[in-house]
Structure formats: C-alpha cells, structure tokens
Amino acid sequence: MSLALFSASVIYFLLVVAPRAHTGKVLVFPHDGSHWVNMRVLVEELHLQGHAVTVIRAADSWYISETSPHYEAVTVNFAAGGDEDFYRLFVSQVIKIKRSNGSAWARFALDMELKNKFFEFHRKICEMIVYMFENEHLMRSLRETKYDAVLTDPANGGGVFLARYLGLPIVFNARWTVHGEAHFAIAPSPLSYVPLPPSELTDRMTFFERVRNVIFYTMRMHLYKQVVGPHYSALSKRYFGPDVDYFSLFQAADLWLMRVDFVFEFPRPTMPNVIYMGGFQCKPAKPLPQHLEEFVQSSGEHGVILMSLGTLIGDLPRDLADEIAATFAKLPQKVIWRYKGVKPATLGNNTLMLDWIPQNELLGHPDVKLFISHGGTNGIYEAIYHGVPIVGIPFVFDQADNLSRLRAKGVARVLDVSELNWKTFLETIQEVLNEPSYSTNMQRLSRLHRDQPMKPLERAIFWIEFVMRHKGAAHLRTESYRLPWYIYHSVDVVLFLLTTAAFLVLFFSWLVRCCFRLCFKRKVKSD
C-alpha cells in the first residue's frame, strides 16, 4: 500500500469511522405544534452527528411528518387530539373579544374552553401511552432496539412515562412543563424577584406586584394540577404504583436543555442539570432568493420592515388587516408581510405579501430595520441573534409575557390588538424606527447572546451525548423533589428551634422565679 493511499485511509477512518464509534440511538417523544419546530432542529443535528433517531408520532399529528431523511417515525395508531383548527379558531375569538371590548365573562368563558381543551389533550396523551404500553409488539420492539436515551418535551407527559417504563435516561427540551414554566419544577424560585410567566412582571417588583405574583402563582399551580393531575396521577398509579407522584417523574429527569438565554430571561437561581441553549435554532443568514433580494434592495436607504404573526394567525379580521395595510402604505420603507388571508383593499405598492418567508434569512439581512411579531420565542430569539428591534402584537398564551421582557430591556414596543388602528400602529412603528435606543439595545443583546465559548446547539448536542455515554446524569440531579414540603422548606427545623427556644425561655423564667422565691424566704427568716 502506497503512503498516499495509507494516509487517505487513516483520514477516512478519523473523519467517518471513528466518530460513528460513539454514536447511539435516541428515542424522541415530541410535543406537536410549534414545539416541534425547535425539536426538529435537535433531531436533525443528532442525525447529522451520526445518531439513529426514532420519533414517536400520533396518527393525527399536524406538524410531525411520517417520512423524513433525518429520523425513523413510529406512528402510533391513535388520535392524540392534534387539533390545529381549534387553536386557530381560539385565536380568532380572542382577537374578536379584545377588539370589541368584550365582557370579562366572554373572555372567562373562552379561557374555560381553552382549559377544557388542554384537559382533553392531556387525557388523550395518557390514553395514547396506555395504548402503547398495552401493545406488546410495539413495546418489545422499543426494548429490543436498546435506546440510549429519551429526548422529550415536558409540555406533555408522554415521553416521561415512556422513559420510566423503558428504564431509560431522560433529556428534556424544555421551556414549559405540564405545570407551567420549567424552572419552577426543579429550581428554587423566590417569588420576591422571580416572576411567574405569563404574569408580565419583571424581576423588580413593587410590594403590590409581589402580592400579585404570589396570588398568580397560587392560582396557576392550582389550575395546572386541575388540568393534568387527574390523568397523569391515574396513569402513574396504574403502572408505577400508588407511592409514585406523577410530577416527581418529571423532576427526576437527568438533564434539562432549557430554551432560555439570560439576555432575554431575568436572572434567577438554577440547578447543575439545567443546560441553557436559548437561541439554539438561530444561525447565520443565507443569501435570499433572487426575487426577495431584489425587493429588499429596492428599499434604498429606508430599509425593510418584516411582519410575521406566527403559524396560528394565518389571517386577521378584514378591517384589522385593512388598518395594518393602510399603515404600511404610509411608510417610506418596503414591507414584507407573511400573511395567508385575503389581500387587503388598502395594500400599498411598497408591501410584498407572502404566505411563507425565509424568516431567519430576512432578519439577518442588513437592510431589515424592524420586526413586527406576535411574540413567539423562536422569532424573538432570531431577532435577538440578528439584532433587529421589535414591535410586538401579542394575542395568546405566553406571547404578551415574552414581549414584556423585551420591553423591559428597551428593545421593543408592545401594542395590544384592542388598541391597534392605523394611527397607533404608525406611531409605534415610527418610534422604534426613529429612536436609536431600540436598535442600540438590541445590538447589545445580540453581541451578548453571540459571545459564548460554544454555540447553543453544539452545547445541547454535547450534553445529550453526555447522557447517552454515561447512562444518565444522576450526579447533577438534586434529590430535593423527594422531600416532603415541610422538610424542603425546613418547617420542621423551624418548629423545633422555636419549641427549643420557648422551652429555654420557660426554663429560665422558672429558674429566675425560684431564685426570687428562695431569696424572699431567706429575707423573711432573717427578719
């Protein structure tokens, strides 16, 4: 064998064969909808690194494709309630109530409808898990594959129960659990300076804001337990015994990959098994398609405004769309608007309306000056990554809370849909465009976000592989979740110390009293 051929063989082994010696098998139980958008990024990167990825999907999944070059899908012949139409209708109803200044009762009724929908969703997830557990062929196949770890989103409990049943380490791709914001499940969370999403509070609360935060926390925790508790408690009791609390299964996860960066979140206590990967889906912009590049270049010195309100808001009430289009028509900037609805009558020549846009590539273009967003976390992190200030129009879920955090950092203006007309919209846009502090502050956040020793996605993949190599990460996981509440909060210690102090006070009081009596008796005798 010649030296050149030998060298080529060595290089091939090092680049191709050697890395695959450390690859493994990952079982993924995702949360459907927009959560799959960021889970797919991890799945594709794991595949790129040579790992074999299997994705569990329901038969009626609305985002997760049954075929992909990046994973093998296991389709469970069960309808888990992936009802995109309901959420679109819900958003439409919210917009209608807000814009008509609807009664508090109408909004309450809508919230109860959403609560019932989530209640039904978690019930179906549990039924899907029972269906899987009782399918001997499926479970035998999953066991025989010998997966190294389960990657799941704790916004539903399916992956948690599946991992426990198979005896596999758990890695979370998380910002939410079935009980709300993920930090509150495992990390100390003092309500004096840690606001509970989606309260729209900051880490600098007044007395009455702290009162509101405590009340909000108490009510939310009660609500979450009402929605998910009956289903997951019954499932846990059925398969793991009456002594296993369903939420302790979540808290026992080996690793929490948190979709959080503290340029966006407020500082707070954390734990060793929490790995931060906020903005992991962000990447440098690629060149735009020719027709988009030509449109952007035609904006000249004024630049471009980008507007996208997410996947659930495909269209808007016609009069509202007309107000927005009329506003854009009054601007010197060019506008790219992702919109699937009917073309507004007031649409100006400066506005390009598309039903899909390469959002990351547009935000990364130097001529894009402003991003009008609904406040979804994926879009927010892309805007931070590329340093583009935001005008936010929140509608539902955590969107208002997300935008309130950006407003607190001086990089966004937030406009409620109930206040939106061409005049208020125009004033808000012009303020963010013309006031340099918004762009300056966002550029500063972008520099902070990018200034890391390792890219968030690389960090996430390293820690997934770490769990696979070491069969878990128990040394990073606190066991505090196993403690009863009175021990966790040292109530028993405080009561013991108070009792001891009271006993000592009583003892010394008795001793002083006895001394006085003895002295008094001696004085009487001497007299």
Protein backbone atom coordinates (compact mmCIF):
# COMPACT_ATOMS: atom_id res chain seq x y z
CA MET A 1 0.00 0.00 0.00
CA SER A 2 1.41 3.36 -1.02
CA LEU A 3 1.93 6.11 1.56
CA ALA A 4 -0.70 8.33 -0.09
CA LEU A 5 -3.31 5.55 -0.02
CA PHE A 6 -2.46 4.73 3.61
CA SER A 7 -2.80 8.40 4.59
CA ALA A 8 -6.14 8.63 2.81
CA SER A 9 -7.37 5.53 4.66
CA VAL A 10 -6.32 6.98 8.02
CA ILE A 11 -8.04 10.30 7.27
CA TYR A 12 -11.21 8.46 6.19
CA PHE A 13 -11.19 6.43 9.40
CA LEU A 14 -10.73 9.52 11.57
CA LEU A 15 -13.43 11.52 9.80
CA VAL A 16 -16.02 8.83 9.14
CA VAL A 17 -15.50 5.59 11.02
CA ALA A 18 -14.14 6.89 14.33
CA PRO A 19 -16.94 9.35 15.08
CA ARG A 20 -19.56 6.69 14.41
CA ALA A 21 -17.99 4.50 17.10
CA HIS A 22 -19.54 6.92 19.63
CA THR A 23 -22.95 7.24 18.06
CA GLY A 24 -26.08 5.97 19.71
CA LYS A 25 -29.84 5.63 19.49
CA VAL A 26 -32.23 8.32 20.65
CA LEU A 27 -35.96 7.87 21.15
CA VAL A 28 -37.86 11.16 20.73
CA PHE A 29 -41.35 11.83 22.09
CA PRO A 30 -42.10 15.40 20.94
CA HIS A 31 -44.86 17.89 21.65
CA ASP A 32 -46.79 18.67 18.49
CA GLY A 33 -47.41 22.10 17.01
CA SER A 34 -44.85 24.89 17.09
CA HIS A 35 -42.84 22.98 19.75
CA TRP A 36 -41.87 20.52 17.01
CA VAL A 37 -40.21 23.35 15.07
CA ASN A 38 -37.37 23.58 17.60
CA MET A 39 -37.35 19.87 18.47
CA ARG A 40 -36.75 19.15 14.80
CA VAL A 41 -33.56 21.24 14.95
CA LEU A 42 -32.17 18.89 17.62
CA VAL A 43 -33.35 15.81 15.73
CA GLU A 44 -31.66 16.92 12.51
CA GLU A 45 -28.41 17.78 14.32
CA LEU A 46 -28.36 14.42 16.11
CA HIS A 47 -28.82 12.73 12.74
CA LEU A 48 -26.00 14.84 11.30
CA GLN A 49 -23.74 13.64 14.11
CA GLY A 50 -24.45 10.03 13.13
CA HIS A 51 -27.02 9.10 15.77
CA ALA A 52 -30.03 6.97 14.91
CA VAL A 53 -33.18 8.88 15.86
CA THR A 54 -36.67 7.44 16.24
CA VAL A 55 -39.62 9.82 16.62
CA ILE A 56 -42.92 8.76 18.18
CA ARG A 57 -45.89 10.44 16.50
CA ALA A 58 -49.67 10.14 16.76
CA ALA A 59 -51.72 9.19 13.74
CA ASP A 60 -53.29 12.66 13.60
CA SER A 61 -50.06 14.63 14.06
CA TRP A 62 -50.33 18.03 12.36
CA TYR A 63 -46.63 19.02 12.26
CA ILE A 64 -44.55 15.83 12.50
CA SER A 65 -44.05 14.16 9.15
CA GLU A 66 -44.26 10.39 8.90
CA THR A 67 -41.31 10.29 6.49
CA SER A 68 -38.01 12.09 6.90
CA PRO A 69 -34.37 11.55 5.95
CA HIS A 70 -33.39 12.56 9.50
CA TYR A 71 -35.39 10.11 11.60
CA GLU A 72 -37.43 6.97 11.57
CA ALA A 73 -41.02 7.60 12.57
CA VAL A 74 -43.07 5.24 14.72
CA THR A 75 -46.68 6.16 14.10
CA VAL A 76 -48.97 5.11 16.91
CA ASN A 77 -52.39 4.26 15.52
CA PHE A 78 -54.11 6.63 17.91
CA ALA A 79 -55.60 10.13 17.58
CA ALA A 80 -53.97 12.28 20.27
CA GLY A 81 -56.01 15.40 19.58
CA GLY A 82 -53.68 17.48 17.42
CA ASP A 83 -56.42 19.93 16.53
CA GLU A 84 -54.88 22.90 14.73
CA ASP A 85 -58.29 24.19 13.66
CA PHE A 86 -59.37 24.62 17.29
CA TYR A 87 -56.37 26.80 18.14
CA ARG A 88 -56.81 28.91 15.01
CA LEU A 89 -60.47 29.45 15.93
CA PHE A 90 -59.49 30.21 19.52
CA VAL A 91 -57.05 32.91 18.40
CA SER A 92 -59.73 34.41 16.14
CA GLN A 93 -62.18 34.51 19.06
CA VAL A 94 -59.59 36.17 21.31
CA ILE A 95 -58.97 38.86 18.69
CA LYS A 96 -62.72 39.43 18.31
CA ILE A 97 -63.29 39.77 22.07
CA LYS A 98 -60.32 42.11 22.56
CA ARG A 99 -61.23 44.39 19.68
CA SER A 100 -64.88 44.64 20.65
CA ASN A 101 -64.03 45.34 24.30
CA GLY A 102 -65.96 42.19 25.12
CA SER A 103 -67.13 41.47 28.62
CA ALA A 104 -64.94 39.83 31.23
CA TRP A 105 -67.45 37.00 31.22
CA ALA A 106 -66.91 36.36 27.49
CA ARG A 107 -63.14 36.16 27.99
CA PHE A 108 -63.59 33.94 31.06
CA ALA A 109 -65.82 31.59 29.07
CA LEU A 110 -63.18 31.44 26.33
CA ASP A 111 -60.45 30.71 28.88
CA MET A 112 -62.57 27.88 30.32
CA GLU A 113 -62.97 26.50 26.81
CA LEU A 114 -59.18 26.52 26.43
CA LYS A 115 -58.77 24.88 29.83
CA ASN A 116 -61.17 22.12 28.78
CA LYS A 117 -59.25 21.69 25.54
CA PHE A 118 -55.96 21.21 27.41
CA PHE A 119 -57.73 18.86 29.85
CA GLU A 120 -58.91 16.81 26.89
CA PHE A 121 -55.47 16.92 25.24
CA HIS A 122 -53.67 15.50 28.29
CA ARG A 123 -56.38 12.86 28.69
CA LYS A 124 -55.73 11.70 25.12
CA ILE A 125 -51.96 11.72 25.66
CA CYS A 126 -52.46 9.39 28.63
CA GLU A 127 -54.75 7.16 26.59
CA MET A 128 -52.11 7.06 23.87
CA ILE A 129 -49.50 5.96 26.43
CA VAL A 130 -51.81 3.21 27.72
CA TYR A 131 -52.36 2.13 24.10
CA MET A 132 -48.59 1.92 23.64
CA PHE A 133 -47.90 0.13 26.92
CA GLU A 134 -50.57 -2.48 26.18
CA ASN A 135 -49.19 -3.07 22.68
CA GLU A 136 -46.75 -5.90 23.43
CA HIS A 137 -45.29 -5.94 19.92
CA LEU A 138 -44.54 -2.21 19.99
CA MET A 139 -43.01 -2.24 23.47
CA ARG A 140 -40.92 -5.33 22.69
CA SER A 141 -39.63 -3.56 19.58
CA LEU A 142 -38.71 -0.44 21.56
CA ARG A 143 -36.92 -2.52 24.22
CA GLU A 144 -35.02 -4.61 21.70
CA THR A 145 -33.76 -1.50 19.92
CA LYS A 146 -31.84 -0.65 23.13
CA TYR A 147 -32.09 3.13 23.02
CA ASP A 148 -29.53 5.16 24.94
CA ALA A 149 -31.86 7.98 25.99
CA VAL A 150 -35.28 9.53 25.55
CA LEU A 151 -35.44 13.13 24.31
CA THR A 152 -38.80 14.72 25.04
CA ASP A 153 -40.65 17.98 25.60
CA PRO A 154 -42.25 18.03 29.08
CA ALA A 155 -45.14 20.17 27.83
CA ASN A 156 -46.82 16.75 27.76
CA GLY A 157 -46.02 13.72 29.89
CA GLY A 158 -45.85 11.05 27.21
CA GLY A 159 -42.07 10.91 26.90
CA VAL A 160 -41.61 11.00 30.69
CA PHE A 161 -43.80 7.94 31.24
CA LEU A 162 -42.32 6.10 28.26
CA ALA A 163 -38.76 6.65 29.51
CA ARG A 164 -39.67 5.46 33.02
CA TYR A 165 -41.41 2.38 31.62
CA LEU A 166 -38.37 1.51 29.45
CA GLY A 167 -35.85 2.41 32.18
CA LEU A 168 -34.06 4.99 30.03
CA PRO A 169 -32.38 8.32 30.91
CA ILE A 170 -34.47 11.40 30.14
CA VAL A 171 -33.32 14.59 28.42
CA PHE A 172 -35.80 17.46 28.28
CA ASN A 173 -36.05 20.04 25.51
CA ALA A 174 -37.92 22.46 27.73
CA ARG A 175 -39.28 25.83 28.50
CA TRP A 176 -42.62 24.59 29.82
CA THR A 177 -43.79 21.52 31.69
CA VAL A 178 -47.34 20.37 32.34
CA HIS A 179 -47.12 22.60 35.45
CA GLY A 180 -46.00 25.77 33.67
CA GLU A 181 -42.56 27.37 33.33
CA ALA A 182 -39.89 24.69 33.65
CA HIS A 183 -37.59 26.32 36.25
CA PHE A 184 -40.37 26.23 38.82
CA ALA A 185 -40.34 22.43 38.65
CA ILE A 186 -36.75 21.95 39.82
CA ALA A 187 -35.01 25.18 40.82
CA PRO A 188 -35.51 27.47 43.85
CA SER A 189 -37.86 30.20 42.64
CA PRO A 190 -38.27 33.03 45.19
CA LEU A 191 -41.45 34.84 44.25
CA SER A 192 -39.97 38.08 45.59
CA TYR A 193 -37.90 38.52 42.41
CA VAL A 194 -38.76 35.59 40.11
CA PRO A 195 -41.92 36.44 38.16
CA LEU A 196 -44.10 33.53 37.14
CA PRO A 197 -44.81 33.55 33.40
CA PRO A 198 -47.14 34.69 31.98
CA SER A 199 -47.68 37.34 34.67
CA GLU A 200 -45.91 40.05 32.59
CA LEU A 201 -43.98 41.09 35.71
CA THR A 202 -40.25 41.81 35.93
CA ASP A 203 -37.57 40.90 38.49
CA ARG A 204 -38.01 44.34 40.09
CA MET A 205 -41.44 44.18 41.67
CA THR A 206 -43.19 46.63 43.95
CA PHE A 207 -44.95 45.36 47.05
CA PHE A 208 -48.30 45.03 45.29
CA GLU A 209 -46.66 43.38 42.28
CA ARG A 210 -45.17 40.81 44.64
CA VAL A 211 -48.63 40.26 46.09
CA ARG A 212 -49.91 39.79 42.55
CA ASN A 213 -47.07 37.37 41.76
CA VAL A 214 -47.85 35.19 44.81
CA ILE A 215 -51.59 35.15 44.04
CA PHE A 216 -50.88 34.45 40.36
CA TYR A 217 -48.53 31.59 41.31
CA THR A 218 -51.04 30.02 43.70
CA MET A 219 -53.89 30.20 41.21
CA ARG A 220 -51.80 28.94 38.30
CA MET A 221 -50.41 25.95 40.18
CA HIS A 222 -53.92 25.00 41.22
CA LEU A 223 -55.12 25.35 37.63
CA TYR A 224 -52.28 23.25 36.21
CA LYS A 225 -52.96 20.46 38.70
CA GLN A 226 -56.67 20.54 37.87
CA VAL A 227 -55.94 20.19 34.16
CA VAL A 228 -53.26 17.47 34.22
CA GLY A 229 -53.38 15.89 37.68
CA PRO A 230 -56.33 13.50 37.27
CA HIS A 231 -54.94 11.95 34.09
CA TYR A 232 -51.25 11.58 34.96
CA SER A 233 -51.96 10.54 38.57
CA ALA A 234 -54.14 7.67 37.38
CA LEU A 235 -51.53 6.66 34.80
CA SER A 236 -48.72 6.73 37.37
CA LYS A 237 -50.72 4.71 39.86
CA ARG A 238 -51.63 2.14 37.21
CA TYR A 239 -48.10 1.44 36.00
CA PHE A 240 -45.71 2.58 38.75
CA GLY A 241 -47.66 2.12 41.96
CA PRO A 242 -49.61 4.37 44.36
CA ASP A 243 -46.50 5.79 46.01
CA VAL A 244 -45.12 7.44 42.85
CA ASP A 245 -46.22 11.04 42.39
CA TYR A 246 -46.62 11.76 38.69
CA PHE A 247 -44.77 15.07 38.81
CA SER A 248 -41.78 13.50 40.56
CA LEU A 249 -41.21 11.61 37.30
CA PHE A 250 -40.68 14.97 35.58
CA GLN A 251 -38.42 16.24 38.36
CA ALA A 252 -36.28 13.09 38.10
CA ALA A 253 -35.19 13.90 34.53
CA ASP A 254 -31.44 13.62 34.07
CA LEU A 255 -30.97 16.77 32.02
CA TRP A 256 -32.98 19.88 31.24
CA LEU A 257 -31.98 21.54 27.96
CA MET A 258 -33.61 24.91 28.62
CA ARG A 259 -34.65 27.07 25.66
CA VAL A 260 -33.51 30.11 27.62
CA ASP A 261 -30.83 32.77 27.36
CA PHE A 262 -30.45 35.37 30.10
CA VAL A 263 -30.20 38.18 27.62
CA PHE A 264 -33.95 37.50 27.35
CA GLU A 265 -34.91 35.97 30.71
CA PHE A 266 -34.49 37.64 34.09
CA PRO A 267 -31.65 36.29 36.31
CA ARG A 268 -32.78 33.56 38.70
CA PRO A 269 -31.48 30.53 40.65
CA THR A 270 -30.80 27.39 38.65
CA MET A 271 -29.51 23.81 39.05
CA PRO A 272 -26.48 21.82 37.80
CA ASN A 273 -28.52 19.66 35.42
CA VAL A 274 -30.02 22.68 33.63
CA ILE A 275 -28.18 23.46 30.39
CA TYR A 276 -29.09 26.70 28.65
CA MET A 277 -29.49 26.65 24.88
CA GLY A 278 -31.71 29.67 24.19
CA GLY A 279 -31.49 30.62 20.53
CA PHE A 280 -30.08 27.22 19.53
CA GLN A 281 -32.15 27.30 16.34
CA CYS A 282 -30.52 30.58 15.21
CA LYS A 283 -27.85 30.57 12.54
CA PRO A 284 -26.16 32.98 10.13
CA ALA A 285 -28.38 34.11 7.31
CA LYS A 286 -28.05 32.53 3.88
CA PRO A 287 -28.50 34.55 0.67
CA LEU A 288 -32.11 35.41 -0.14
CA PRO A 289 -33.90 34.08 -3.21
CA GLN A 290 -33.39 36.47 -6.12
CA HIS A 291 -36.91 37.95 -6.12
CA LEU A 292 -36.69 38.75 -2.39
CA GLU A 293 -33.19 40.17 -2.68
CA GLU A 294 -34.31 42.46 -5.48
CA PHE A 295 -37.28 43.64 -3.43
CA VAL A 296 -35.09 44.31 -0.39
CA GLN A 297 -32.50 46.17 -2.46
CA SER A 298 -35.22 48.36 -3.93
CA SER A 299 -35.89 49.82 -0.45
CA GLY A 300 -32.85 52.08 -0.73
CA GLU A 301 -31.78 53.96 2.40
CA HIS A 302 -35.11 53.46 4.17
CA GLY A 303 -34.74 49.72 4.56
CA VAL A 304 -37.31 46.96 5.09
CA ILE A 305 -39.86 46.06 7.74
CA LEU A 306 -40.67 42.39 8.26
CA MET A 307 -44.00 41.26 9.70
CA SER A 308 -44.93 37.72 10.75
CA LEU A 309 -47.56 36.72 13.29
CA GLY A 310 -46.81 33.01 13.51
CA THR A 311 -48.47 29.86 12.26
CA LEU A 312 -51.71 30.10 14.28
CA ILE A 313 -52.58 33.52 12.89
CA GLY A 314 -52.94 32.78 9.21
CA ASP A 315 -55.40 35.61 8.64
CA LEU A 316 -56.97 38.52 10.52
CA PRO A 317 -60.38 40.20 10.55
CA ARG A 318 -60.68 42.07 7.28
CA ASP A 319 -61.00 45.52 8.84
CA LEU A 320 -57.92 44.90 11.01
CA ALA A 321 -55.90 43.70 8.01
CA ASP A 322 -57.00 46.86 6.17
CA GLU A 323 -55.77 49.04 9.08
CA ILE A 324 -52.39 47.30 9.05
CA ALA A 325 -52.04 47.52 5.26
CA ALA A 326 -53.03 51.21 5.32
CA THR A 327 -50.33 51.87 7.91
CA PHE A 328 -47.68 50.16 5.78
CA ALA A 329 -48.76 52.18 2.75
CA LYS A 330 -47.91 55.41 4.61
CA LEU A 331 -44.31 54.33 5.33
CA PRO A 332 -41.24 55.06 3.19
CA GLN A 333 -39.88 51.61 3.99
CA LYS A 334 -40.60 48.49 1.98
CA VAL A 335 -42.60 45.86 3.87
CA ILE A 336 -42.56 42.05 3.66
CA TRP A 337 -45.68 40.64 5.29
CA ARG A 338 -46.23 36.93 5.89
CA TYR A 339 -49.99 36.62 5.53
CA LYS A 340 -52.34 33.91 4.24
CA GLY A 341 -55.57 35.89 4.34
CA VAL A 342 -57.43 37.82 1.66
CA LYS A 343 -55.41 40.67 0.16
CA PRO A 344 -56.40 43.90 1.96
CA ALA A 345 -58.01 46.62 -0.16
CA THR A 346 -55.63 49.20 1.31
CA LEU A 347 -52.43 47.33 0.42
CA GLY A 348 -49.77 49.72 -0.87
CA ASN A 349 -47.21 49.23 -3.63
CA ASN A 350 -44.44 49.12 -1.01
CA THR A 351 -45.79 45.93 0.60
CA LEU A 352 -44.99 42.39 -0.54
CA MET A 353 -47.44 39.84 0.87
CA LEU A 354 -46.33 36.18 1.03
CA ASP A 355 -47.79 33.04 2.63
CA TRP A 356 -44.29 31.85 3.59
CA ILE A 357 -40.99 33.66 4.19
CA PRO A 358 -37.40 32.63 4.98
CA GLN A 359 -37.62 34.45 8.32
CA ASN A 360 -34.09 33.81 9.57
CA GLU A 361 -32.55 34.90 6.28
CA LEU A 362 -34.63 38.09 6.19
CA LEU A 363 -33.87 39.02 9.81
CA GLY A 364 -30.19 38.52 9.03
CA HIS A 365 -30.25 40.89 6.07
CA PRO A 366 -28.60 44.24 6.90
CA ASP A 367 -31.44 46.20 5.25
CA VAL A 368 -34.15 44.83 7.57
CA LYS A 369 -34.73 47.52 10.22
CA LEU A 370 -37.74 46.27 12.18
CA PHE A 371 -39.54 43.02 13.01
CA ILE A 372 -43.28 43.08 13.75
CA SER A 373 -44.00 39.91 15.69
CA HIS A 374 -46.67 38.17 17.78
CA GLY A 375 -44.06 37.31 20.42
CA GLY A 376 -43.30 33.64 19.78
CA THR A 377 -39.99 32.55 21.32
CA ASN A 378 -38.48 31.22 18.08
CA GLY A 379 -38.94 34.53 16.29
CA ILE A 380 -37.82 36.52 19.34
CA TYR A 381 -34.52 34.67 19.57
CA GLU A 382 -33.92 35.06 15.84
CA ALA A 383 -34.49 38.82 16.21
CA ILE A 384 -32.07 38.93 19.17
CA TYR A 385 -29.48 36.91 17.27
CA HIS A 386 -29.61 39.27 14.29
CA GLY A 387 -30.07 42.45 16.37
CA VAL A 388 -33.42 43.59 14.94
CA PRO A 389 -35.73 45.62 17.25
CA ILE A 390 -39.36 44.56 17.61
CA VAL A 391 -42.88 45.91 17.56
CA GLY A 392 -44.95 43.28 19.32
CA ILE A 393 -48.64 42.45 18.88
CA PRO A 394 -49.38 39.62 21.34
CA PHE A 395 -52.52 37.51 21.04
CA VAL A 396 -52.49 34.38 23.24
CA PHE A 397 -50.51 32.12 25.57
CA ASP A 398 -47.06 33.40 26.61
CA GLN A 399 -46.72 35.97 23.84
CA ALA A 400 -47.54 39.05 25.97
CA ASP A 401 -45.14 37.88 28.69
CA ASN A 402 -42.35 37.30 26.17
CA LEU A 403 -42.79 40.77 24.73
CA SER A 404 -42.98 42.36 28.19
CA ARG A 405 -39.46 41.04 28.85
CA LEU A 406 -38.18 42.65 25.67
CA ARG A 407 -39.97 45.88 26.57
CA ALA A 408 -38.25 45.84 29.98
CA LYS A 409 -34.89 45.58 28.21
CA GLY A 410 -35.65 48.53 25.94
CA VAL A 411 -35.70 46.67 22.63
CA ALA A 412 -39.42 46.51 21.85
CA ARG A 413 -42.70 48.39 21.90
CA VAL A 414 -45.85 46.38 22.57
CA LEU A 415 -49.24 47.21 21.10
CA ASP A 416 -52.40 45.41 22.22
CA VAL A 417 -54.67 44.35 19.38
CA SER A 418 -57.58 46.18 21.08
CA GLU A 419 -55.67 49.46 20.54
CA LEU A 420 -54.49 48.75 17.04
CA ASN A 421 -55.54 51.17 14.33
CA TRP A 422 -53.56 52.84 11.58
CA LYS A 423 -52.71 55.84 13.75
CA THR A 424 -51.44 53.98 16.86
CA PHE A 425 -49.70 51.40 14.70
CA LEU A 426 -47.94 54.08 12.65
CA GLU A 427 -46.81 55.99 15.76
CA THR A 428 -45.45 52.81 17.36
CA ILE A 429 -43.53 51.78 14.24
CA GLN A 430 -42.06 55.24 13.76
CA GLU A 431 -40.96 55.43 17.40
CA VAL A 432 -38.99 52.18 17.20
CA LEU A 433 -37.52 53.11 13.81
CA ASN A 434 -36.57 56.67 14.74
CA GLU A 435 -35.49 56.26 18.36
CA PRO A 436 -31.89 54.90 18.20
CA SER A 437 -32.03 53.30 21.66
CA TYR A 438 -34.18 50.39 20.45
CA SER A 439 -31.69 49.36 17.80
CA THR A 440 -28.69 50.08 20.05
CA ASN A 441 -30.09 48.00 22.89
CA MET A 442 -30.97 45.11 20.59
CA GLN A 443 -27.49 45.16 19.04
CA ARG A 444 -26.05 44.96 22.56
CA LEU A 445 -28.26 41.94 23.35
CA SER A 446 -27.15 40.36 20.09
CA ARG A 447 -23.47 40.76 21.00
CA LEU A 448 -24.08 39.29 24.45
CA HIS A 449 -26.07 36.39 23.02
CA ARG A 450 -23.41 35.53 20.44
CA ASP A 451 -20.43 35.91 22.82
CA GLN A 452 -20.30 32.30 24.03
CA PRO A 453 -17.47 29.74 24.08
CA MET A 454 -19.72 27.19 22.37
CA LYS A 455 -22.77 27.61 20.16
CA PRO A 456 -26.03 26.73 21.96
CA LEU A 457 -26.81 23.90 19.52
CA GLU A 458 -23.32 22.41 19.98
CA ARG A 459 -23.77 22.63 23.75
CA ALA A 460 -27.14 20.89 23.54
CA ILE A 461 -25.79 18.03 21.42
CA PHE A 462 -22.76 17.60 23.70
CA TRP A 463 -24.98 17.16 26.76
CA ILE A 464 -27.38 14.78 25.01
CA GLU A 465 -24.37 12.67 24.06
CA PHE A 466 -23.03 13.01 27.62
CA VAL A 467 -26.22 11.44 28.97
CA MET A 468 -26.01 8.70 26.35
CA ARG A 469 -22.37 7.93 27.19
CA HIS A 470 -22.88 7.81 30.94
CA LYS A 471 -26.38 6.29 31.01
CA GLY A 472 -27.79 9.37 32.71
CA ALA A 473 -26.55 12.29 34.77
CA ALA A 474 -27.65 11.43 38.29
CA HIS A 475 -24.66 13.24 39.82
CA LEU A 476 -26.08 16.55 38.54
CA ARG A 477 -29.63 15.93 39.73
CA THR A 478 -30.78 17.09 43.13
CA GLU A 479 -32.99 14.74 45.13
CA SER A 480 -34.85 17.62 46.76
CA TYR A 481 -38.04 16.75 44.87
CA ARG A 482 -38.31 13.60 47.00
CA LEU A 483 -38.56 15.65 50.19
CA PRO A 484 -41.95 16.46 51.73
CA TRP A 485 -42.80 20.16 51.52
CA TYR A 486 -42.33 20.70 55.26
CA ILE A 487 -38.79 19.28 55.09
CA TYR A 488 -37.93 21.14 51.85
CA HIS A 489 -38.91 24.44 53.49
CA SER A 490 -37.36 23.42 56.86
CA VAL A 491 -40.70 23.88 58.61
CA ASP A 492 -39.87 21.01 60.98
CA VAL A 493 -36.48 22.58 61.80
CA VAL A 494 -38.06 25.99 62.43
CA LEU A 495 -40.71 24.43 64.69
CA PHE A 496 -38.02 22.50 66.57
CA LEU A 497 -35.93 25.63 67.08
CA LEU A 498 -38.97 27.66 68.17
CA THR A 499 -40.02 24.91 70.57
CA THR A 500 -36.49 24.68 71.98
CA ALA A 501 -36.31 28.47 72.35
CA ALA A 502 -39.70 28.52 74.08
CA PHE A 503 -38.62 25.73 76.42
CA LEU A 504 -35.40 27.58 77.31
CA VAL A 505 -37.33 30.80 77.96
CA LEU A 506 -39.78 28.94 80.20
CA PHE A 507 -36.95 27.13 81.94
CA PHE A 508 -35.02 30.33 82.69
CA SER A 509 -38.24 32.05 83.75
CA TRP A 510 -38.90 29.21 86.19
CA LEU A 511 -35.28 29.34 87.36
CA VAL A 512 -35.44 33.11 87.98
CA ARG A 513 -38.74 32.71 89.76
CA CYS A 514 -37.25 30.02 92.01
CA CYS A 515 -34.27 32.24 92.79
CA PHE A 516 -36.56 35.11 93.76
CA ARG A 517 -38.62 32.80 95.98
CA LEU A 518 -35.50 31.48 97.67
CA CYS A 519 -34.15 34.98 98.25
CA PHE A 520 -37.53 36.13 99.60
CA LYS A 521 -37.70 33.17 102.04
CA ARG A 522 -34.18 33.90 103.34
CA LYS A 523 -35.08 37.55 103.84
CA VAL A 524 -38.21 36.59 105.82
CA LYS A 525 -36.19 34.25 108.05
CA SER A 526 -33.52 36.85 108.69
CA ASP A 527 -36.23 39.35 109.71
